[in-house]
PDB file of N, CA and C in Angstrom:
ATOM      1  N   MET A   1    -118.532 -87.285  94.517  1.00  0.00           N
ATOM      2  CA  MET A   1    -117.438 -86.457  94.994  1.00  0.00           C
ATOM      3  C   MET A   1    -117.723 -84.986  94.675  1.00  0.00           C
ATOM      4  N   LYS A   2    -117.556 -84.138  95.661  1.00  0.00           N
ATOM      5  CA  LYS A   2    -117.803 -82.717  95.494  1.00  0.00           C
ATOM      6  C   LYS A   2    -116.661 -82.080  94.706  1.00  0.00           C
ATOM      7  N   TYR A   3    -117.010 -81.264  93.744  1.00  0.00           N
ATOM      8  CA  TYR A   3    -116.027 -80.568  92.921  1.00  0.00           C
ATOM      9  C   TYR A   3    -115.762 -79.216  93.563  1.00  0.00           C
ATOM     10  N   ASP A   4    -114.535 -78.946  93.969  1.00  0.00           N
ATOM     11  CA  ASP A   4    -114.195 -77.709  94.658  1.00  0.00           C
ATOM     12  C   ASP A   4    -113.192 -76.909  93.831  1.00  0.00           C
ATOM     13  N   LEU A   5    -113.712 -75.968  93.065  1.00  0.00           N
ATOM     14  CA  LEU A   5    -112.866 -75.172  92.185  1.00  0.00           C
ATOM     15  C   LEU A   5    -111.923 -74.273  92.981  1.00  0.00           C
ATOM     16  N   GLU A   6    -112.366 -73.770  94.115  1.00  0.00           N
ATOM     17  CA  GLU A   6    -111.500 -72.932  94.945  1.00  0.00           C
ATOM     18  C   GLU A   6    -110.257 -73.720  95.385  1.00  0.00           C
ATOM     19  N   GLU A   7    -110.472 -74.959  95.803  1.00  0.00           N
ATOM     20  CA  GLU A   7    -109.358 -75.814  96.216  1.00  0.00           C
ATOM     21  C   GLU A   7    -108.452 -76.135  95.026  1.00  0.00           C
ATOM     22  N   ARG A   8    -109.038 -76.380  93.884  1.00  0.00           N
ATOM     23  CA  ARG A   8    -108.255 -76.693  92.690  1.00  0.00           C
ATOM     24  C   ARG A   8    -107.368 -75.507  92.297  1.00  0.00           C
ATOM     25  N   CYS A   9    -107.920 -74.306  92.387  1.00  0.00           N
ATOM     26  CA  CYS A   9    -107.139 -73.104  92.069  1.00  0.00           C
ATOM     27  C   CYS A   9    -105.994 -72.918  93.061  1.00  0.00           C
ATOM     28  N   ALA A  10    -106.276 -73.152  94.333  1.00  0.00           N
ATOM     29  CA  ALA A  10    -105.238 -73.031  95.362  1.00  0.00           C
ATOM     30  C   ALA A  10    -104.132 -74.054  95.119  1.00  0.00           C
ATOM     31  N   LYS A  11    -104.523 -75.283  94.794  1.00  0.00           N
ATOM     32  CA  LYS A  11    -103.538 -76.340  94.527  1.00  0.00           C
ATOM     33  C   LYS A  11    -102.665 -75.972  93.324  1.00  0.00           C
ATOM     34  N   PHE A  12    -103.264 -75.374  92.312  1.00  0.00           N
ATOM     35  CA  PHE A  12    -102.499 -74.959  91.136  1.00  0.00           C
ATOM     36  C   PHE A  12    -101.430 -73.947  91.541  1.00  0.00           C
ATOM     37  N   GLY A  13    -101.806 -72.959  92.329  1.00  0.00           N
ATOM     38  CA  GLY A  13    -100.837 -71.972  92.801  1.00  0.00           C
ATOM     39  C   GLY A  13     -99.744 -72.607  93.642  1.00  0.00           C
ATOM     40  N   GLU A  14    -100.146 -73.527  94.523  1.00  0.00           N
ATOM     41  CA  GLU A  14     -99.170 -74.223  95.369  1.00  0.00           C
ATOM     42  C   GLU A  14     -98.193 -75.042  94.536  1.00  0.00           C
ATOM     43  N   GLU A  15     -98.717 -75.759  93.543  1.00  0.00           N
ATOM     44  CA  GLU A  15     -97.849 -76.568  92.686  1.00  0.00           C
ATOM     45  C   GLU A  15     -96.901 -75.700  91.878  1.00  0.00           C
ATOM     46  N   ALA A  16     -97.369 -74.537  91.453  1.00  0.00           N
ATOM     47  CA  ALA A  16     -96.506 -73.611  90.716  1.00  0.00           C
ATOM     48  C   ALA A  16     -95.362 -73.135  91.611  1.00  0.00           C
ATOM     49  N   ILE A  17     -95.667 -72.826  92.862  1.00  0.00           N
ATOM     50  CA  ILE A  17     -94.632 -72.384  93.804  1.00  0.00           C
ATOM     51  C   ILE A  17     -93.623 -73.504  94.042  1.00  0.00           C
ATOM     52  N   LYS A  18     -94.127 -74.696  94.343  1.00  0.00           N
ATOM     53  CA  LYS A  18     -93.228 -75.834  94.598  1.00  0.00           C
ATOM     54  C   LYS A  18     -92.336 -76.108  93.390  1.00  0.00           C
ATOM     55  N   PHE A  19     -92.931 -76.061  92.207  1.00  0.00           N
ATOM     56  CA  PHE A  19     -92.181 -76.324  90.981  1.00  0.00           C
ATOM     57  C   PHE A  19     -91.070 -75.293  90.782  1.00  0.00           C
ATOM     58  N   THR A  20     -91.405 -74.019  90.919  1.00  0.00           N
ATOM     59  CA  THR A  20     -90.411 -72.980  90.644  1.00  0.00           C
ATOM     60  C   THR A  20     -89.262 -73.012  91.654  1.00  0.00           C
ATOM     61  N   LYS A  21     -89.500 -73.557  92.831  1.00  0.00           N
ATOM     62  CA  LYS A  21     -88.422 -73.685  93.821  1.00  0.00           C
ATOM     63  C   LYS A  21     -87.370 -74.699  93.376  1.00  0.00           C
ATOM     64  N   THR A  22     -87.701 -75.532  92.381  1.00  0.00           N
ATOM     65  CA  THR A  22     -86.751 -76.536  91.877  1.00  0.00           C
ATOM     66  C   THR A  22     -85.896 -76.002  90.725  1.00  0.00           C
ATOM     67  N   ILE A  23     -86.186 -74.798  90.289  1.00  0.00           N
ATOM     68  CA  ILE A  23     -85.480 -74.211  89.149  1.00  0.00           C
ATOM     69  C   ILE A  23     -84.336 -73.332  89.644  1.00  0.00           C
ATOM     70  N   LYS A  24     -83.187 -73.512  89.025  1.00  0.00           N
ATOM     71  CA  LYS A  24     -82.038 -72.671  89.366  1.00  0.00           C
ATOM     72  C   LYS A  24     -82.333 -71.242  88.906  1.00  0.00           C
ATOM     73  N   TYR A  25     -82.239 -70.301  89.822  1.00  0.00           N
ATOM     74  CA  TYR A  25     -82.547 -68.902  89.547  1.00  0.00           C
ATOM     75  C   TYR A  25     -81.346 -68.232  88.894  1.00  0.00           C
ATOM     76  N   ASN A  26     -81.559 -67.691  87.699  1.00  0.00           N
ATOM     77  CA  ASN A  26     -80.492 -66.949  87.012  1.00  0.00           C
ATOM     78  C   ASN A  26     -81.108 -65.795  86.217  1.00  0.00           C
ATOM     79  N   GLN A  27     -80.316 -65.160  85.387  1.00  0.00           N
ATOM     80  CA  GLN A  27     -80.775 -63.984  84.637  1.00  0.00           C
ATOM     81  C   GLN A  27     -81.967 -64.310  83.729  1.00  0.00           C
ATOM     82  N   ILE A  28     -81.999 -65.494  83.185  1.00  0.00           N
ATOM     83  CA  ILE A  28     -83.093 -65.881  82.282  1.00  0.00           C
ATOM     84  C   ILE A  28     -84.288 -66.421  83.057  1.00  0.00           C
ATOM     85  N   THR A  29     -84.033 -67.345  83.968  1.00  0.00           N
ATOM     86  CA  THR A  29     -85.148 -67.995  84.675  1.00  0.00           C
ATOM     87  C   THR A  29     -85.822 -67.088  85.699  1.00  0.00           C
ATOM     88  N   GLY A  30     -85.079 -66.156  86.270  1.00  0.00           N
ATOM     89  CA  GLY A  30     -85.632 -65.278  87.304  1.00  0.00           C
ATOM     90  C   GLY A  30     -86.925 -64.584  86.891  1.00  0.00           C
ATOM     91  N   PRO A  31     -86.908 -63.833  85.795  1.00  0.00           N
ATOM     92  CA  PRO A  31     -88.137 -63.159  85.358  1.00  0.00           C
ATOM     93  C   PRO A  31     -89.270 -64.139  85.007  1.00  0.00           C
ATOM     94  N   LEU A  32     -88.917 -65.283  84.425  1.00  0.00           N
ATOM     95  CA  LEU A  32     -89.926 -66.280  84.072  1.00  0.00           C
ATOM     96  C   LEU A  32     -90.588 -66.851  85.322  1.00  0.00           C
ATOM     97  N   ILE A  33     -89.762 -67.162  86.312  1.00  0.00           N
ATOM     98  CA  ILE A  33     -90.280 -67.684  87.582  1.00  0.00           C
ATOM     99  C   ILE A  33     -91.208 -66.661  88.223  1.00  0.00           C
ATOM    100  N   ASN A  34     -90.761 -65.413  88.296  1.00  0.00           N
ATOM    101  CA  ASN A  34     -91.571 -64.362  88.925  1.00  0.00           C
ATOM    102  C   ASN A  34     -92.925 -64.208  88.236  1.00  0.00           C
ATOM    103  N   GLN A  35     -92.901 -64.159  86.921  1.00  0.00           N
ATOM    104  CA  GLN A  35     -94.150 -63.988  86.172  1.00  0.00           C
ATOM    105  C   GLN A  35     -95.069 -65.198  86.350  1.00  0.00           C
ATOM    106  N   PHE A  36     -94.500 -66.391  86.297  1.00  0.00           N
ATOM    107  CA  PHE A  36     -95.293 -67.608  86.431  1.00  0.00           C
ATOM    108  C   PHE A  36     -95.946 -67.688  87.809  1.00  0.00           C
ATOM    109  N   VAL A  37     -95.175 -67.415  88.841  1.00  0.00           N
ATOM    110  CA  VAL A  37     -95.738 -67.462  90.197  1.00  0.00           C
ATOM    111  C   VAL A  37     -96.830 -66.409  90.358  1.00  0.00           C
ATOM    112  N   ARG A  38     -96.608 -65.227  89.830  1.00  0.00           N
ATOM    113  CA  ARG A  38     -97.634 -64.164  89.925  1.00  0.00           C
ATOM    114  C   ARG A  38     -98.947 -64.589  89.266  1.00  0.00           C
ATOM    115  N   SER A  39     -98.856 -65.075  88.037  1.00  0.00           N
ATOM    116  CA  SER A  39    -100.098 -65.420  87.324  1.00  0.00           C
ATOM    117  C   SER A  39    -100.755 -66.664  87.922  1.00  0.00           C
ATOM    118  N   ALA A  40     -99.967 -67.670  88.274  1.00  0.00           N
ATOM    119  CA  ALA A  40    -100.524 -68.922  88.793  1.00  0.00           C
ATOM    120  C   ALA A  40    -101.200 -68.736  90.148  1.00  0.00           C
ATOM    121  N   THR A  41    -100.604 -67.918  91.014  1.00  0.00           N
ATOM    122  CA  THR A  41    -101.221 -67.698  92.327  1.00  0.00           C
ATOM    123  C   THR A  41    -102.374 -66.698  92.257  1.00  0.00           C
ATOM    124  N   SER A  42    -102.373 -65.879  91.243  1.00  0.00           N
ATOM    125  CA  SER A  42    -103.456 -64.905  91.052  1.00  0.00           C
ATOM    126  C   SER A  42    -104.778 -65.576  90.698  1.00  0.00           C
ATOM    127  N   VAL A  43    -104.721 -66.732  90.065  1.00  0.00           N
ATOM    128  CA  VAL A  43    -105.947 -67.453  89.679  1.00  0.00           C
ATOM    129  C   VAL A  43    -106.813 -67.695  90.909  1.00  0.00           C
ATOM    130  N   GLY A  44    -106.235 -68.283  91.931  1.00  0.00           N
ATOM    131  CA  GLY A  44    -106.983 -68.596  93.146  1.00  0.00           C
ATOM    132  C   GLY A  44    -107.451 -67.364  93.895  1.00  0.00           C
ATOM    133  N   ALA A  45    -106.600 -66.357  93.965  1.00  0.00           N
ATOM    134  CA  ALA A  45    -106.968 -65.124  94.663  1.00  0.00           C
ATOM    135  C   ALA A  45    -108.169 -64.460  93.994  1.00  0.00           C
ATOM    136  N   ASN A  46    -108.147 -64.415  92.680  1.00  0.00           N
ATOM    137  CA  ASN A  46    -109.266 -63.792  91.961  1.00  0.00           C
ATOM    138  C   ASN A  46    -110.527 -64.638  92.025  1.00  0.00           C
ATOM    139  N   TYR A  47    -110.369 -65.953  92.073  1.00  0.00           N
ATOM    140  CA  TYR A  47    -111.555 -66.799  92.215  1.00  0.00           C
ATOM    141  C   TYR A  47    -112.199 -66.593  93.578  1.00  0.00           C
ATOM    142  N   MET A  48    -111.387 -66.440  94.611  1.00  0.00           N
ATOM    143  CA  MET A  48    -111.932 -66.156  95.940  1.00  0.00           C
ATOM    144  C   MET A  48    -112.671 -64.809  95.929  1.00  0.00           C
ATOM    145  N   GLU A  49    -112.108 -63.839  95.236  1.00  0.00           N
ATOM    146  CA  GLU A  49    -112.779 -62.538  95.109  1.00  0.00           C
ATOM    147  C   GLU A  49    -114.089 -62.681  94.349  1.00  0.00           C
ATOM    148  N   ALA A  50    -114.092 -63.491  93.311  1.00  0.00           N
ATOM    149  CA  ALA A  50    -115.318 -63.704  92.530  1.00  0.00           C
ATOM    150  C   ALA A  50    -116.424 -64.272  93.419  1.00  0.00           C
ATOM    151  N   ASN A  51    -116.048 -65.177  94.301  1.00  0.00           N
ATOM    152  CA  ASN A  51    -117.040 -65.787  95.191  1.00  0.00           C
ATOM    153  C   ASN A  51    -117.603 -64.805  96.210  1.00  0.00           C
ATOM    154  N   GLN A  52    -116.954 -63.672  96.374  1.00  0.00           N
ATOM    155  CA  GLN A  52    -117.445 -62.619  97.271  1.00  0.00           C
ATOM    156  C   GLN A  52    -117.904 -61.389  96.484  1.00  0.00           C
ATOM    157  N   ALA A  53    -118.185 -61.573  95.229  1.00  0.00           N
ATOM    158  CA  ALA A  53    -118.544 -60.453  94.356  1.00  0.00           C
ATOM    159  C   ALA A  53    -119.791 -59.732  94.856  1.00  0.00           C
ATOM    160  N   SER A  54    -119.812 -58.431  94.618  1.00  0.00           N
ATOM    161  CA  SER A  54    -120.938 -57.599  95.064  1.00  0.00           C
ATOM    162  C   SER A  54    -122.086 -57.575  94.064  1.00  0.00           C
ATOM    163  N   SER A  55    -121.840 -58.083  92.859  1.00  0.00           N
ATOM    164  CA  SER A  55    -122.876 -58.118  91.833  1.00  0.00           C
ATOM    165  C   SER A  55    -122.519 -59.172  90.790  1.00  0.00           C
ATOM    166  N   LYS A  56    -123.484 -59.459  89.925  1.00  0.00           N
ATOM    167  CA  LYS A  56    -123.226 -60.406  88.839  1.00  0.00           C
ATOM    168  C   LYS A  56    -122.133 -59.874  87.914  1.00  0.00           C
ATOM    169  N   LYS A  57    -122.176 -58.573  87.641  1.00  0.00           N
ATOM    170  CA  LYS A  57    -121.174 -57.945  86.776  1.00  0.00           C
ATOM    171  C   LYS A  57    -119.780 -58.071  87.398  1.00  0.00           C
ATOM    172  N   ASP A  58    -119.695 -57.848  88.701  1.00  0.00           N
ATOM    173  CA  ASP A  58    -118.428 -57.976  89.416  1.00  0.00           C
ATOM    174  C   ASP A  58    -117.943 -59.424  89.365  1.00  0.00           C
ATOM    175  N   PHE A  59    -118.855 -60.375  89.544  1.00  0.00           N
ATOM    176  CA  PHE A  59    -118.508 -61.794  89.489  1.00  0.00           C
ATOM    177  C   PHE A  59    -117.931 -62.159  88.120  1.00  0.00           C
ATOM    178  N   ILE A  60    -118.615 -61.760  87.065  1.00  0.00           N
ATOM    179  CA  ILE A  60    -118.157 -62.066  85.702  1.00  0.00           C
ATOM    180  C   ILE A  60    -116.786 -61.450  85.451  1.00  0.00           C
ATOM    181  N   ASN A  61    -116.598 -60.212  85.906  1.00  0.00           N
ATOM    182  CA  ASN A  61    -115.304 -59.545  85.731  1.00  0.00           C
ATOM    183  C   ASN A  61    -114.188 -60.330  86.412  1.00  0.00           C
ATOM    184  N   LYS A  62    -114.408 -60.766  87.639  1.00  0.00           N
ATOM    185  CA  LYS A  62    -113.391 -61.530  88.372  1.00  0.00           C
ATOM    186  C   LYS A  62    -113.133 -62.891  87.711  1.00  0.00           C
ATOM    187  N   ILE A  63    -114.169 -63.527  87.224  1.00  0.00           N
ATOM    188  CA  ILE A  63    -114.016 -64.813  86.537  1.00  0.00           C
ATOM    189  C   ILE A  63    -113.190 -64.629  85.266  1.00  0.00           C
ATOM    190  N   ARG A  64    -113.419 -63.538  84.573  1.00  0.00           N
ATOM    191  CA  ARG A  64    -112.626 -63.263  83.366  1.00  0.00           C
ATOM    192  C   ARG A  64    -111.158 -63.018  83.717  1.00  0.00           C
ATOM    193  N   ILE A  65    -110.916 -62.387  84.850  1.00  0.00           N
ATOM    194  CA  ILE A  65    -109.531 -62.197  85.297  1.00  0.00           C
ATOM    195  C   ILE A  65    -108.909 -63.560  85.597  1.00  0.00           C
ATOM    196  N   CYS A  66    -109.657 -64.444  86.233  1.00  0.00           N
ATOM    197  CA  CYS A  66    -109.175 -65.812  86.493  1.00  0.00           C
ATOM    198  C   CYS A  66    -108.797 -66.483  85.175  1.00  0.00           C
ATOM    199  N   GLN A  67    -109.652 -66.320  84.192  1.00  0.00           N
ATOM    200  CA  GLN A  67    -109.416 -66.915  82.877  1.00  0.00           C
ATOM    201  C   GLN A  67    -108.135 -66.351  82.259  1.00  0.00           C
ATOM    202  N   LYS A  68    -107.954 -65.048  82.328  1.00  0.00           N
ATOM    203  CA  LYS A  68    -106.758 -64.424  81.763  1.00  0.00           C
ATOM    204  C   LYS A  68    -105.497 -64.873  82.493  1.00  0.00           C
ATOM    205  N   GLU A  69    -105.560 -64.947  83.808  1.00  0.00           N
ATOM    206  CA  GLU A  69    -104.384 -65.332  84.591  1.00  0.00           C
ATOM    207  C   GLU A  69    -104.008 -66.795  84.358  1.00  0.00           C
ATOM    208  N   SER A  70    -105.001 -67.662  84.259  1.00  0.00           N
ATOM    209  CA  SER A  70    -104.688 -69.066  83.994  1.00  0.00           C
ATOM    210  C   SER A  70    -104.132 -69.223  82.576  1.00  0.00           C
ATOM    211  N   ASN A  71    -104.667 -68.459  81.653  1.00  0.00           N
ATOM    212  CA  ASN A  71    -104.162 -68.484  80.280  1.00  0.00           C
ATOM    213  C   ASN A  71    -102.722 -67.958  80.225  1.00  0.00           C
ATOM    214  N   GLU A  72    -102.456 -66.895  80.965  1.00  0.00           N
ATOM    215  CA  GLU A  72    -101.100 -66.345  81.018  1.00  0.00           C
ATOM    216  C   GLU A  72    -100.127 -67.364  81.628  1.00  0.00           C
ATOM    217  N   SER A  73    -100.591 -68.113  82.601  1.00  0.00           N
ATOM    218  CA  SER A  73     -99.749 -69.132  83.238  1.00  0.00           C
ATOM    219  C   SER A  73     -99.266 -70.161  82.222  1.00  0.00           C
ATOM    220  N   LYS A  74    -100.103 -70.462  81.238  1.00  0.00           N
ATOM    221  CA  LYS A  74     -99.708 -71.387  80.171  1.00  0.00           C
ATOM    222  C   LYS A  74     -98.480 -70.849  79.436  1.00  0.00           C
ATOM    223  N   HIS A  75     -98.500 -69.567  79.160  1.00  0.00           N
ATOM    224  CA  HIS A  75     -97.381 -68.940  78.441  1.00  0.00           C
ATOM    225  C   HIS A  75     -96.091 -69.075  79.242  1.00  0.00           C
ATOM    226  N   TRP A  76     -96.142 -68.750  80.524  1.00  0.00           N
ATOM    227  CA  TRP A  76     -94.927 -68.789  81.338  1.00  0.00           C
ATOM    228  C   TRP A  76     -94.433 -70.214  81.532  1.00  0.00           C
ATOM    229  N   ALA A  77     -95.342 -71.166  81.652  1.00  0.00           N
ATOM    230  CA  ALA A  77     -94.923 -72.574  81.752  1.00  0.00           C
ATOM    231  C   ALA A  77     -94.182 -72.983  80.478  1.00  0.00           C
ATOM    232  N   ARG A  78     -94.685 -72.541  79.348  1.00  0.00           N
ATOM    233  CA  ARG A  78     -94.032 -72.848  78.075  1.00  0.00           C
ATOM    234  C   ARG A  78     -92.637 -72.222  77.994  1.00  0.00           C
ATOM    235  N   MET A  79     -92.524 -70.972  78.425  1.00  0.00           N
ATOM    236  CA  MET A  79     -91.228 -70.299  78.385  1.00  0.00           C
ATOM    237  C   MET A  79     -90.225 -70.973  79.329  1.00  0.00           C
ATOM    238  N   ILE A  80     -90.684 -71.386  80.499  1.00  0.00           N
ATOM    239  CA  ILE A  80     -89.798 -72.087  81.439  1.00  0.00           C
ATOM    240  C   ILE A  80     -89.328 -73.403  80.831  1.00  0.00           C
ATOM    241  N   SER A  81     -90.218 -74.083  80.104  1.00  0.00           N
ATOM    242  CA  SER A  81     -89.832 -75.360  79.486  1.00  0.00           C
ATOM    243  C   SER A  81     -88.740 -75.178  78.439  1.00  0.00           C
ATOM    244  N   VAL A  82     -88.676 -74.006  77.845  1.00  0.00           N
ATOM    245  CA  VAL A  82     -87.613 -73.712  76.881  1.00  0.00           C
ATOM    246  C   VAL A  82     -86.321 -73.348  77.615  1.00  0.00           C
ATOM    247  N   ALA A  83     -86.443 -72.565  78.676  1.00  0.00           N
ATOM    248  CA  ALA A  83     -85.271 -72.137  79.439  1.00  0.00           C
ATOM    249  C   ALA A  83     -84.647 -73.290  80.226  1.00  0.00           C
ATOM    250  N   GLU A  84     -85.497 -74.212  80.668  1.00  0.00           N
ATOM    251  CA  GLU A  84     -85.047 -75.345  81.490  1.00  0.00           C
ATOM    252  C   GLU A  84     -85.580 -76.628  80.865  1.00  0.00           C
ATOM    253  N   GLU A  85     -84.903 -77.112  79.845  1.00  0.00           N
ATOM    254  CA  GLU A  85     -85.398 -78.252  79.077  1.00  0.00           C
ATOM    255  C   GLU A  85     -85.597 -79.513  79.899  1.00  0.00           C
ATOM    256  N   ASP A  86     -84.861 -79.670  80.981  1.00  0.00           N
ATOM    257  CA  ASP A  86     -85.035 -80.853  81.827  1.00  0.00           C
ATOM    258  C   ASP A  86     -86.320 -80.781  82.662  1.00  0.00           C
ATOM    259  N   LYS A  87     -87.014 -79.659  82.611  1.00  0.00           N
ATOM    260  CA  LYS A  87     -88.265 -79.471  83.364  1.00  0.00           C
ATOM    261  C   LYS A  87     -89.496 -79.548  82.455  1.00  0.00           C
ATOM    262  N   LYS A  88     -89.307 -79.978  81.217  1.00  0.00           N
ATOM    263  CA  LYS A  88     -90.401 -79.996  80.235  1.00  0.00           C
ATOM    264  C   LYS A  88     -91.633 -80.760  80.715  1.00  0.00           C
ATOM    265  N   GLU A  89     -91.437 -81.933  81.302  1.00  0.00           N
ATOM    266  CA  GLU A  89     -92.573 -82.756  81.719  1.00  0.00           C
ATOM    267  C   GLU A  89     -93.371 -82.084  82.838  1.00  0.00           C
ATOM    268  N   GLU A  90     -92.690 -81.493  83.797  1.00  0.00           N
ATOM    269  CA  GLU A  90     -93.382 -80.786  84.873  1.00  0.00           C
ATOM    270  C   GLU A  90     -94.121 -79.570  84.316  1.00  0.00           C
ATOM    271  N   CYS A  91     -93.478 -78.883  83.377  1.00  0.00           N
ATOM    272  CA  CYS A  91     -94.122 -77.732  82.733  1.00  0.00           C
ATOM    273  C   CYS A  91     -95.367 -78.167  81.972  1.00  0.00           C
ATOM    274  N   ARG A  92     -95.276 -79.310  81.302  1.00  0.00           N
ATOM    275  CA  ARG A  92     -96.410 -79.825  80.542  1.00  0.00           C
ATOM    276  C   ARG A  92     -97.618 -80.073  81.461  1.00  0.00           C
ATOM    277  N   LYS A  93     -97.364 -80.637  82.624  1.00  0.00           N
ATOM    278  CA  LYS A  93     -98.451 -80.915  83.584  1.00  0.00           C
ATOM    279  C   LYS A  93     -99.085 -79.621  84.086  1.00  0.00           C
ATOM    280  N   LEU A  94     -98.243 -78.641  84.412  1.00  0.00           N
ATOM    281  CA  LEU A  94     -98.768 -77.358  84.877  1.00  0.00           C
ATOM    282  C   LEU A  94     -99.495 -76.625  83.754  1.00  0.00           C
ATOM    283  N   TRP A  95     -98.954 -76.718  82.540  1.00  0.00           N
ATOM    284  CA  TRP A  95     -99.614 -76.108  81.383  1.00  0.00           C
ATOM    285  C   TRP A  95    -101.003 -76.713  81.195  1.00  0.00           C
ATOM    286  N   LYS A  96    -101.080 -78.040  81.319  1.00  0.00           N
ATOM    287  CA  LYS A  96    -102.360 -78.736  81.138  1.00  0.00           C
ATOM    288  C   LYS A  96    -103.382 -78.285  82.186  1.00  0.00           C
ATOM    289  N   GLU A  97    -102.958 -78.170  83.423  1.00  0.00           N
ATOM    290  CA  GLU A  97    -103.881 -77.709  84.474  1.00  0.00           C
ATOM    291  C   GLU A  97    -104.307 -76.270  84.217  1.00  0.00           C
ATOM    292  N   ALA A  98    -103.367 -75.415  83.811  1.00  0.00           N
ATOM    293  CA  ALA A  98    -103.711 -74.027  83.489  1.00  0.00           C
ATOM    294  C   ALA A  98    -104.708 -73.977  82.331  1.00  0.00           C
ATOM    295  N   HIS A  99    -104.510 -74.839  81.355  1.00  0.00           N
ATOM    296  CA  HIS A  99    -105.420 -74.890  80.202  1.00  0.00           C
ATOM    297  C   HIS A  99    -106.824 -75.317  80.640  1.00  0.00           C
ATOM    298  N   GLU A 100    -106.903 -76.340  81.461  1.00  0.00           N
ATOM    299  CA  GLU A 100    -108.211 -76.796  81.949  1.00  0.00           C
ATOM    300  C   GLU A 100    -108.903 -75.710  82.761  1.00  0.00           C
ATOM    301  N   LEU A 101    -108.152 -75.020  83.600  1.00  0.00           N
ATOM    302  CA  LEU A 101    -108.744 -73.921  84.370  1.00  0.00           C
ATOM    303  C   LEU A 101    -109.228 -72.804  83.446  1.00  0.00           C
ATOM    304  N   THR A 102    -108.456 -72.503  82.414  1.00  0.00           N
ATOM    305  CA  THR A 102    -108.865 -71.479  81.441  1.00  0.00           C
ATOM    306  C   THR A 102    -110.201 -71.855  80.806  1.00  0.00           C
ATOM    307  N   LEU A 103    -110.334 -73.107  80.414  1.00  0.00           N
ATOM    308  CA  LEU A 103    -111.586 -73.571  79.801  1.00  0.00           C
ATOM    309  C   LEU A 103    -112.745 -73.515  80.791  1.00  0.00           C
ATOM    310  N   ILE A 104    -112.502 -73.876  82.032  1.00  0.00           N
ATOM    311  CA  ILE A 104    -113.550 -73.831  83.064  1.00  0.00           C
ATOM    312  C   ILE A 104    -114.032 -72.399  83.265  1.00  0.00           C
ATOM    313  N   PHE A 105    -113.093 -71.462  83.390  1.00  0.00           N
ATOM    314  CA  PHE A 105    -113.488 -70.067  83.609  1.00  0.00           C
ATOM    315  C   PHE A 105    -114.182 -69.473  82.392  1.00  0.00           C
ATOM    316  N   ALA A 106    -113.765 -69.882  81.205  1.00  0.00           N
ATOM    317  CA  ALA A 106    -114.439 -69.418  79.984  1.00  0.00           C
ATOM    318  C   ALA A 106    -115.895 -69.898  79.978  1.00  0.00           C
ATOM    319  N   LYS A 107    -116.104 -71.141  80.378  1.00  0.00           N
ATOM    320  CA  LYS A 107    -117.460 -71.716  80.422  1.00  0.00           C
ATOM    321  C   LYS A 107    -118.320 -71.013  81.468  1.00  0.00           C
ATOM    322  N   ILE A 108    -117.751 -70.768  82.641  1.00  0.00           N
ATOM    323  CA  ILE A 108    -118.488 -70.053  83.688  1.00  0.00           C
ATOM    324  C   ILE A 108    -118.902 -68.674  83.200  1.00  0.00           C
ATOM    325  N   SER A 109    -117.961 -67.970  82.595  1.00  0.00           N
ATOM    326  CA  SER A 109    -118.233 -66.627  82.088  1.00  0.00           C
ATOM    327  C   SER A 109    -119.323 -66.642  81.027  1.00  0.00           C
ATOM    328  N   LYS A 110    -119.228 -67.587  80.120  1.00  0.00           N
ATOM    329  CA  LYS A 110    -120.224 -67.723  79.052  1.00  0.00           C
ATOM    330  C   LYS A 110    -121.606 -68.039  79.622  1.00  0.00           C
ATOM    331  N   ASN A 111    -121.657 -68.959  80.568  1.00  0.00           N
ATOM    332  CA  ASN A 111    -122.939 -69.338  81.171  1.00  0.00           C
ATOM    333  C   ASN A 111    -123.578 -68.182  81.934  1.00  0.00           C
ATOM    334  N   CYS A 112    -122.777 -67.344  82.563  1.00  0.00           N
ATOM    335  CA  CYS A 112    -123.310 -66.198  83.303  1.00  0.00           C
ATOM    336  C   CYS A 112    -123.884 -65.153  82.358  1.00  0.00           C
ATOM    337  N   LYS A 113    -123.239 -64.982  81.220  1.00  0.00           N
ATOM    338  CA  LYS A 113    -123.711 -63.993  80.244  1.00  0.00           C
ATOM    339  C   LYS A 113    -125.016 -64.425  79.592  1.00  0.00           C
ATOM    340  N   GLU A 114    -125.193 -65.732  79.420  1.00  0.00           N
ATOM    341  CA  GLU A 114    -126.373 -66.252  78.723  1.00  0.00           C
ATOM    342  C   GLU A 114    -127.640 -66.164  79.569  1.00  0.00           C
ATOM    343  N   LYS A 115    -127.488 -66.085  80.858  1.00  0.00           N
ATOM    344  CA  LYS A 115    -128.663 -66.076  81.748  1.00  0.00           C
ATOM    345  C   LYS A 115    -129.274 -64.716  81.894  1.00  0.00           C
TER     346      LYS A 115
END
């Protein structure tokens, strides 16, 4: 089976959007939803940019941004789980995917630097 990181990143952003549409928007959840959607959808956008990088340095920079955005998504998923306790399990799944993506991008970045 072919491993498609671009598709995985897109799916993560899509799942984040679908999930946040299930949350009641209020003074507390509104900012959390906005931040989570921004960081989660940014992962895929930056990965697509990395794949079109003009140099190795540009590629590494974009991959590091992917890593930061996926890591940030973990934070917002955690905050949403506190604001909306009935959504803890869904947040846990999204947090886990964000964590795995963070580790993948860290490995890619490390491997590029070593070469």
